[in-house]
Amino acid sequence: MPDLQTQPNPFILMMDPQAVLAKIEHSERLERLHSRICRPLDKPQLQAAASGSDLARHDLGIDAELDEAE
């Protein structure tokens, strides 16, 4: 396979995935990258969980009313 860096067509890379992985493993530029773990800033609120149970109670109430009407 020709040199991977000179190939302008990314679909050519799919023909030899092992060569791509070898290039990635020996890449100096990738080794210089700093990894960082990102976590979401928003935390689930307890009120959201409570509103779910309120909604379930409301649905049960409506179901009970429909059963009584039948």
PDB file of N, CA and C in Angstrom:
ATOM      1  N   MET A   1       0.851  -1.182   0.000  1.00  0.00           N
ATOM      2  CA  MET A   1       0.000   0.000   0.000  1.00  0.00           C
ATOM      3  C   MET A   1       0.889   1.235   0.000  1.00  0.00           C
ATOM      4  N   PRO A   2       0.536   2.258  -0.772  1.00  0.00           N
ATOM      5  CA  PRO A   2       1.329   3.488  -0.784  1.00  0.00           C
ATOM      6  C   PRO A   2       1.307   4.161   0.584  1.00  0.00           C
ATOM      7  N   ASP A   3       2.190   5.112   0.759  1.00  0.00           N
ATOM      8  CA  ASP A   3       2.293   5.824   2.031  1.00  0.00           C
ATOM      9  C   ASP A   3       0.939   6.423   2.405  1.00  0.00           C
ATOM     10  N   LEU A   4       0.517   6.212   3.653  1.00  0.00           N
ATOM     11  CA  LEU A   4      -0.811   6.654   4.087  1.00  0.00           C
ATOM     12  C   LEU A   4      -0.927   8.173   4.158  1.00  0.00           C
ATOM     13  N   GLN A   5       0.176   8.861   4.400  1.00  0.00           N
ATOM     14  CA  GLN A   5       0.107  10.312   4.542  1.00  0.00           C
ATOM     15  C   GLN A   5      -0.144  11.008   3.210  1.00  0.00           C
ATOM     16  N   THR A   6       0.211  10.378   2.105  1.00  0.00           N
ATOM     17  CA  THR A   6       0.053  11.023   0.808  1.00  0.00           C
ATOM     18  C   THR A   6      -1.288  10.702   0.159  1.00  0.00           C
ATOM     19  N   GLN A   7      -2.109   9.883   0.789  1.00  0.00           N
ATOM     20  CA  GLN A   7      -3.389   9.514   0.206  1.00  0.00           C
ATOM     21  C   GLN A   7      -4.439  10.577   0.524  1.00  0.00           C
ATOM     22  N   PRO A   8      -4.971  11.279  -0.493  1.00  0.00           N
ATOM     23  CA  PRO A   8      -5.990  12.288  -0.237  1.00  0.00           C
ATOM     24  C   PRO A   8      -7.375  11.682  -0.014  1.00  0.00           C
ATOM     25  N   ASN A   9      -7.581  10.445  -0.426  1.00  0.00           N
ATOM     26  CA  ASN A   9      -8.881   9.811  -0.327  1.00  0.00           C
ATOM     27  C   ASN A   9      -8.955   8.995   0.970  1.00  0.00           C
ATOM     28  N   PRO A  10      -9.818   9.371   1.925  1.00  0.00           N
ATOM     29  CA  PRO A  10      -9.874   8.629   3.191  1.00  0.00           C
ATOM     30  C   PRO A  10     -10.402   7.208   3.032  1.00  0.00           C
ATOM     31  N   PHE A  11     -11.115   6.927   1.944  1.00  0.00           N
ATOM     32  CA  PHE A  11     -11.637   5.580   1.740  1.00  0.00           C
ATOM     33  C   PHE A  11     -10.524   4.586   1.404  1.00  0.00           C
ATOM     34  N   ILE A  12      -9.401   5.084   0.911  1.00  0.00           N
ATOM     35  CA  ILE A  12      -8.247   4.225   0.656  1.00  0.00           C
ATOM     36  C   ILE A  12      -7.760   3.633   1.977  1.00  0.00           C
ATOM     37  N   LEU A  13      -7.895   4.389   3.058  1.00  0.00           N
ATOM     38  CA  LEU A  13      -7.435   3.923   4.366  1.00  0.00           C
ATOM     39  C   LEU A  13      -8.206   2.699   4.833  1.00  0.00           C
ATOM     40  N   MET A  14      -9.446   2.545   4.394  1.00  0.00           N
ATOM     41  CA  MET A  14     -10.240   1.394   4.804  1.00  0.00           C
ATOM     42  C   MET A  14      -9.752   0.096   4.168  1.00  0.00           C
ATOM     43  N   MET A  15      -8.946   0.190   3.132  1.00  0.00           N
ATOM     44  CA  MET A  15      -8.457  -0.998   2.461  1.00  0.00           C
ATOM     45  C   MET A  15      -7.397  -1.725   3.289  1.00  0.00           C
ATOM     46  N   ASP A  16      -6.694  -0.992   4.150  1.00  0.00           N
ATOM     47  CA  ASP A  16      -5.640  -1.610   4.960  1.00  0.00           C
ATOM     48  C   ASP A  16      -5.707  -1.043   6.380  1.00  0.00           C
ATOM     49  N   PRO A  17      -6.681  -1.476   7.192  1.00  0.00           N
ATOM     50  CA  PRO A  17      -6.836  -0.895   8.540  1.00  0.00           C
ATOM     51  C   PRO A  17      -5.645  -1.197   9.448  1.00  0.00           C
ATOM     52  N   GLN A  18      -4.935  -2.304   9.228  1.00  0.00           N
ATOM     53  CA  GLN A  18      -3.773  -2.616  10.071  1.00  0.00           C
ATOM     54  C   GLN A  18      -2.663  -1.591   9.861  1.00  0.00           C
ATOM     55  N   ALA A  19      -2.486  -1.139   8.634  1.00  0.00           N
ATOM     56  CA  ALA A  19      -1.477  -0.113   8.356  1.00  0.00           C
ATOM     57  C   ALA A  19      -1.853   1.191   9.044  1.00  0.00           C
ATOM     58  N   VAL A  20      -3.147   1.506   9.065  1.00  0.00           N
ATOM     59  CA  VAL A  20      -3.612   2.724   9.731  1.00  0.00           C
ATOM     60  C   VAL A  20      -3.334   2.624  11.233  1.00  0.00           C
ATOM     61  N   LEU A  21      -3.663   1.486  11.829  1.00  0.00           N
ATOM     62  CA  LEU A  21      -3.419   1.313  13.263  1.00  0.00           C
ATOM     63  C   LEU A  21      -1.933   1.380  13.586  1.00  0.00           C
ATOM     64  N   ALA A  22      -1.097   0.826  12.724  1.00  0.00           N
ATOM     65  CA  ALA A  22       0.351   0.894  12.945  1.00  0.00           C
ATOM     66  C   ALA A  22       0.832   2.337  12.893  1.00  0.00           C
ATOM     67  N   LYS A  23       0.324   3.122  11.949  1.00  0.00           N
ATOM     68  CA  LYS A  23       0.694   4.540  11.859  1.00  0.00           C
ATOM     69  C   LYS A  23       0.255   5.290  13.113  1.00  0.00           C
ATOM     70  N   ILE A  24      -0.945   4.982  13.614  1.00  0.00           N
ATOM     71  CA  ILE A  24      -1.453   5.656  14.805  1.00  0.00           C
ATOM     72  C   ILE A  24      -0.588   5.325  16.008  1.00  0.00           C
ATOM     73  N   GLU A  25      -0.210   4.058  16.147  1.00  0.00           N
ATOM     74  CA  GLU A  25       0.590   3.643  17.300  1.00  0.00           C
ATOM     75  C   GLU A  25       1.974   4.278  17.294  1.00  0.00           C
ATOM     76  N   HIS A  26       2.524   4.583  16.128  1.00  0.00           N
ATOM     77  CA  HIS A  26       3.872   5.132  16.045  1.00  0.00           C
ATOM     78  C   HIS A  26       3.886   6.619  15.713  1.00  0.00           C
ATOM     79  N   SER A  27       2.775   7.286  15.897  1.00  0.00           N
ATOM     80  CA  SER A  27       2.676   8.704  15.576  1.00  0.00           C
ATOM     81  C   SER A  27       3.230   9.556  16.714  1.00  0.00           C
ATOM     82  N   GLU A  28       4.219  10.375  16.400  1.00  0.00           N
ATOM     83  CA  GLU A  28       4.786  11.275  17.405  1.00  0.00           C
ATOM     84  C   GLU A  28       3.799  12.382  17.760  1.00  0.00           C
ATOM     85  N   ARG A  29       3.054  12.854  16.778  1.00  0.00           N
ATOM     86  CA  ARG A  29       2.092  13.925  17.036  1.00  0.00           C
ATOM     87  C   ARG A  29       0.999  13.458  18.004  1.00  0.00           C
ATOM     88  N   LEU A  30       0.536  12.224  17.841  1.00  0.00           N
ATOM     89  CA  LEU A  30      -0.500  11.715  18.738  1.00  0.00           C
ATOM     90  C   LEU A  30       0.053  11.488  20.143  1.00  0.00           C
ATOM     91  N   GLU A  31       1.320  11.105  20.247  1.00  0.00           N
ATOM     92  CA  GLU A  31       1.928  10.907  21.567  1.00  0.00           C
ATOM     93  C   GLU A  31       2.051  12.213  22.332  1.00  0.00           C
ATOM     94  N   ARG A  32       2.189  13.331  21.619  1.00  0.00           N
ATOM     95  CA  ARG A  32       2.333  14.630  22.286  1.00  0.00           C
ATOM     96  C   ARG A  32       1.004  15.193  22.770  1.00  0.00           C
ATOM     97  N   LEU A  33      -0.096  14.614  22.320  1.00  0.00           N
ATOM     98  CA  LEU A  33      -1.407  15.097  22.763  1.00  0.00           C
ATOM     99  C   LEU A  33      -1.610  14.789  24.237  1.00  0.00           C
ATOM    100  N   HIS A  34      -2.199  15.718  24.938  1.00  0.00           N
ATOM    101  CA  HIS A  34      -2.520  15.504  26.341  1.00  0.00           C
ATOM    102  C   HIS A  34      -3.953  15.020  26.427  1.00  0.00           C
ATOM    103  N   SER A  35      -4.163  13.930  27.147  1.00  0.00           N
ATOM    104  CA  SER A  35      -5.523  13.428  27.291  1.00  0.00           C
ATOM    105  C   SER A  35      -6.198  14.139  28.458  1.00  0.00           C
ATOM    106  N   ARG A  36      -7.474  14.258  28.360  1.00  0.00           N
ATOM    107  CA  ARG A  36      -8.244  14.960  29.374  1.00  0.00           C
ATOM    108  C   ARG A  36      -9.582  14.254  29.524  1.00  0.00           C
ATOM    109  N   ILE A  37     -10.006  14.048  30.747  1.00  0.00           N
ATOM    110  CA  ILE A  37     -11.306  13.434  30.998  1.00  0.00           C
ATOM    111  C   ILE A  37     -12.310  14.555  31.231  1.00  0.00           C
ATOM    112  N   CYS A  38     -13.353  14.573  30.448  1.00  0.00           N
ATOM    113  CA  CYS A  38     -14.389  15.602  30.571  1.00  0.00           C
ATOM    114  C   CYS A  38     -15.647  14.965  31.143  1.00  0.00           C
ATOM    115  N   ARG A  39     -16.206  15.613  32.111  1.00  0.00           N
ATOM    116  CA  ARG A  39     -17.447  15.137  32.725  1.00  0.00           C
ATOM    117  C   ARG A  39     -18.499  16.233  32.608  1.00  0.00           C
ATOM    118  N   PRO A  40     -19.756  15.867  32.538  1.00  0.00           N
ATOM    119  CA  PRO A  40     -20.804  16.890  32.433  1.00  0.00           C
ATOM    120  C   PRO A  40     -20.856  17.746  33.696  1.00  0.00           C
ATOM    121  N   LEU A  41     -21.141  18.999  33.498  1.00  0.00           N
ATOM    122  CA  LEU A  41     -21.209  19.922  34.626  1.00  0.00           C
ATOM    123  C   LEU A  41     -22.537  19.828  35.362  1.00  0.00           C
ATOM    124  N   ASP A  42     -23.571  19.456  34.642  1.00  0.00           N
ATOM    125  CA  ASP A  42     -24.899  19.375  35.251  1.00  0.00           C
ATOM    126  C   ASP A  42     -25.027  18.080  36.034  1.00  0.00           C
ATOM    127  N   LYS A  43     -25.556  18.192  37.224  1.00  0.00           N
ATOM    128  CA  LYS A  43     -25.820  17.010  38.034  1.00  0.00           C
ATOM    129  C   LYS A  43     -27.331  16.821  38.107  1.00  0.00           C
ATOM    130  N   PRO A  44     -27.784  15.586  38.131  1.00  0.00           N
ATOM    131  CA  PRO A  44     -29.233  15.380  38.224  1.00  0.00           C
ATOM    132  C   PRO A  44     -29.774  15.956  39.524  1.00  0.00           C
ATOM    133  N   GLN A  45     -30.908  16.576  39.426  1.00  0.00           N
ATOM    134  CA  GLN A  45     -31.518  17.176  40.602  1.00  0.00           C
ATOM    135  C   GLN A  45     -32.511  16.206  41.205  1.00  0.00           C
ATOM    136  N   LEU A  46     -32.587  16.220  42.516  1.00  0.00           N
ATOM    137  CA  LEU A  46     -33.511  15.325  43.204  1.00  0.00           C
ATOM    138  C   LEU A  46     -34.960  15.669  42.894  1.00  0.00           C
ATOM    139  N   GLN A  47     -35.221  16.918  42.617  1.00  0.00           N
ATOM    140  CA  GLN A  47     -36.590  17.328  42.317  1.00  0.00           C
ATOM    141  C   GLN A  47     -37.083  16.654  41.028  1.00  0.00           C
ATOM    142  N   ALA A  48     -36.197  16.451  40.078  1.00  0.00           N
ATOM    143  CA  ALA A  48     -36.598  15.795  38.832  1.00  0.00           C
ATOM    144  C   ALA A  48     -37.063  14.372  39.111  1.00  0.00           C
ATOM    145  N   ALA A  49     -36.402  13.685  40.027  1.00  0.00           N
ATOM    146  CA  ALA A  49     -36.817  12.327  40.387  1.00  0.00           C
ATOM    147  C   ALA A  49     -38.159  12.351  41.101  1.00  0.00           C
ATOM    148  N   ALA A  50     -38.362  13.346  41.965  1.00  0.00           N
ATOM    149  CA  ALA A  50     -39.632  13.454  42.679  1.00  0.00           C
ATOM    150  C   ALA A  50     -40.769  13.774  41.716  1.00  0.00           C
ATOM    151  N   SER A  51     -40.505  14.602  40.719  1.00  0.00           N
ATOM    152  CA  SER A  51     -41.566  14.949  39.779  1.00  0.00           C
ATOM    153  C   SER A  51     -41.988  13.723  38.965  1.00  0.00           C
ATOM    154  N   GLY A  52     -41.059  12.794  38.747  1.00  0.00           N
ATOM    155  CA  GLY A  52     -41.408  11.565  38.045  1.00  0.00           C
ATOM    156  C   GLY A  52     -42.392  10.742  38.846  1.00  0.00           C
ATOM    157  N   SER A  53     -42.191  10.667  40.171  1.00  0.00           N
ATOM    158  CA  SER A  53     -43.127   9.908  40.994  1.00  0.00           C
ATOM    159  C   SER A  53     -44.460  10.641  41.105  1.00  0.00           C
ATOM    160  N   ASP A  54     -44.434  11.970  41.111  1.00  0.00           N
ATOM    161  CA  ASP A  54     -45.679  12.737  41.116  1.00  0.00           C
ATOM    162  C   ASP A  54     -46.461  12.468  39.834  1.00  0.00           C
ATOM    163  N   LEU A  55     -45.741  12.392  38.741  1.00  0.00           N
ATOM    164  CA  LEU A  55     -46.393  12.125  37.465  1.00  0.00           C
ATOM    165  C   LEU A  55     -47.009  10.728  37.469  1.00  0.00           C
ATOM    166  N   ALA A  56     -46.297   9.760  38.041  1.00  0.00           N
ATOM    167  CA  ALA A  56     -46.819   8.396  38.112  1.00  0.00           C
ATOM    168  C   ALA A  56     -48.091   8.356  38.968  1.00  0.00           C
ATOM    169  N   ARG A  57     -48.092   9.074  40.094  1.00  0.00           N
ATOM    170  CA  ARG A  57     -49.299   9.123  40.941  1.00  0.00           C
ATOM    171  C   ARG A  57     -50.458   9.766  40.189  1.00  0.00           C
ATOM    172  N   HIS A  58     -50.168  10.815  39.452  1.00  0.00           N
ATOM    173  CA  HIS A  58     -51.207  11.500  38.673  1.00  0.00           C
ATOM    174  C   HIS A  58     -51.798  10.547  37.631  1.00  0.00           C
ATOM    175  N   ASP A  59     -50.917   9.804  36.940  1.00  0.00           N
ATOM    176  CA  ASP A  59     -51.397   8.831  35.945  1.00  0.00           C
ATOM    177  C   ASP A  59     -52.250   7.750  36.589  1.00  0.00           C
ATOM    178  N   LEU A  60     -51.846   7.276  37.753  1.00  0.00           N
ATOM    179  CA  LEU A  60     -52.641   6.257  38.444  1.00  0.00           C
ATOM    180  C   LEU A  60     -54.007   6.804  38.841  1.00  0.00           C
ATOM    181  N   GLY A  61     -54.042   8.069  39.254  1.00  0.00           N
ATOM    182  CA  GLY A  61     -55.320   8.696  39.600  1.00  0.00           C
ATOM    183  C   GLY A  61     -56.252   8.773  38.405  1.00  0.00           C
ATOM    184  N   ILE A  62     -55.706   9.145  37.259  1.00  0.00           N
ATOM    185  CA  ILE A  62     -56.519   9.220  36.037  1.00  0.00           C
ATOM    186  C   ILE A  62     -57.009   7.833  35.645  1.00  0.00           C
ATOM    187  N   ASP A  63     -56.123   6.830  35.738  1.00  0.00           N
ATOM    188  CA  ASP A  63     -56.526   5.457  35.427  1.00  0.00           C
ATOM    189  C   ASP A  63     -57.654   4.993  36.353  1.00  0.00           C
ATOM    190  N   ALA A  64     -57.551   5.355  37.633  1.00  0.00           N
ATOM    191  CA  ALA A  64     -58.586   4.948  38.591  1.00  0.00           C
ATOM    192  C   ALA A  64     -59.916   5.609  38.240  1.00  0.00           C
ATOM    193  N   GLU A  65     -59.898   6.884  37.843  1.00  0.00           N
ATOM    194  CA  GLU A  65     -61.107   7.576  37.466  1.00  0.00           C
ATOM    195  C   GLU A  65     -61.752   6.933  36.223  1.00  0.00           C
ATOM    196  N   LEU A  66     -60.907   6.536  35.271  1.00  0.00           N
ATOM    197  CA  LEU A  66     -61.438   5.917  34.058  1.00  0.00           C
ATOM    198  C   LEU A  66     -62.044   4.554  34.389  1.00  0.00           C
ATOM    199  N   ASP A  67     -61.436   3.811  35.339  1.00  0.00           N
ATOM    200  CA  ASP A  67     -61.992   2.507  35.732  1.00  0.00           C
ATOM    201  C   ASP A  67     -63.339   2.670  36.422  1.00  0.00           C
ATOM    202  N   GLU A  68     -63.478   3.746  37.233  1.00  0.00           N
ATOM    203  CA  GLU A  68     -64.736   3.979  37.929  1.00  0.00           C
ATOM    204  C   GLU A  68     -65.844   4.381  36.941  1.00  0.00           C
ATOM    205  N   ALA A  69     -65.470   5.109  35.886  1.00  0.00           N
ATOM    206  CA  ALA A  69     -66.445   5.574  34.908  1.00  0.00           C
ATOM    207  C   ALA A  69     -66.996   4.420  34.074  1.00  0.00           C
ATOM    208  N   GLU A  70     -66.257   3.338  33.954  1.00  0.00           N
ATOM    209  CA  GLU A  70     -66.721   2.218  33.141  1.00  0.00           C
ATOM    210  C   GLU A  70     -67.698   1.444  33.887  1.00  0.00           C
TER     211      GLU A  70
END
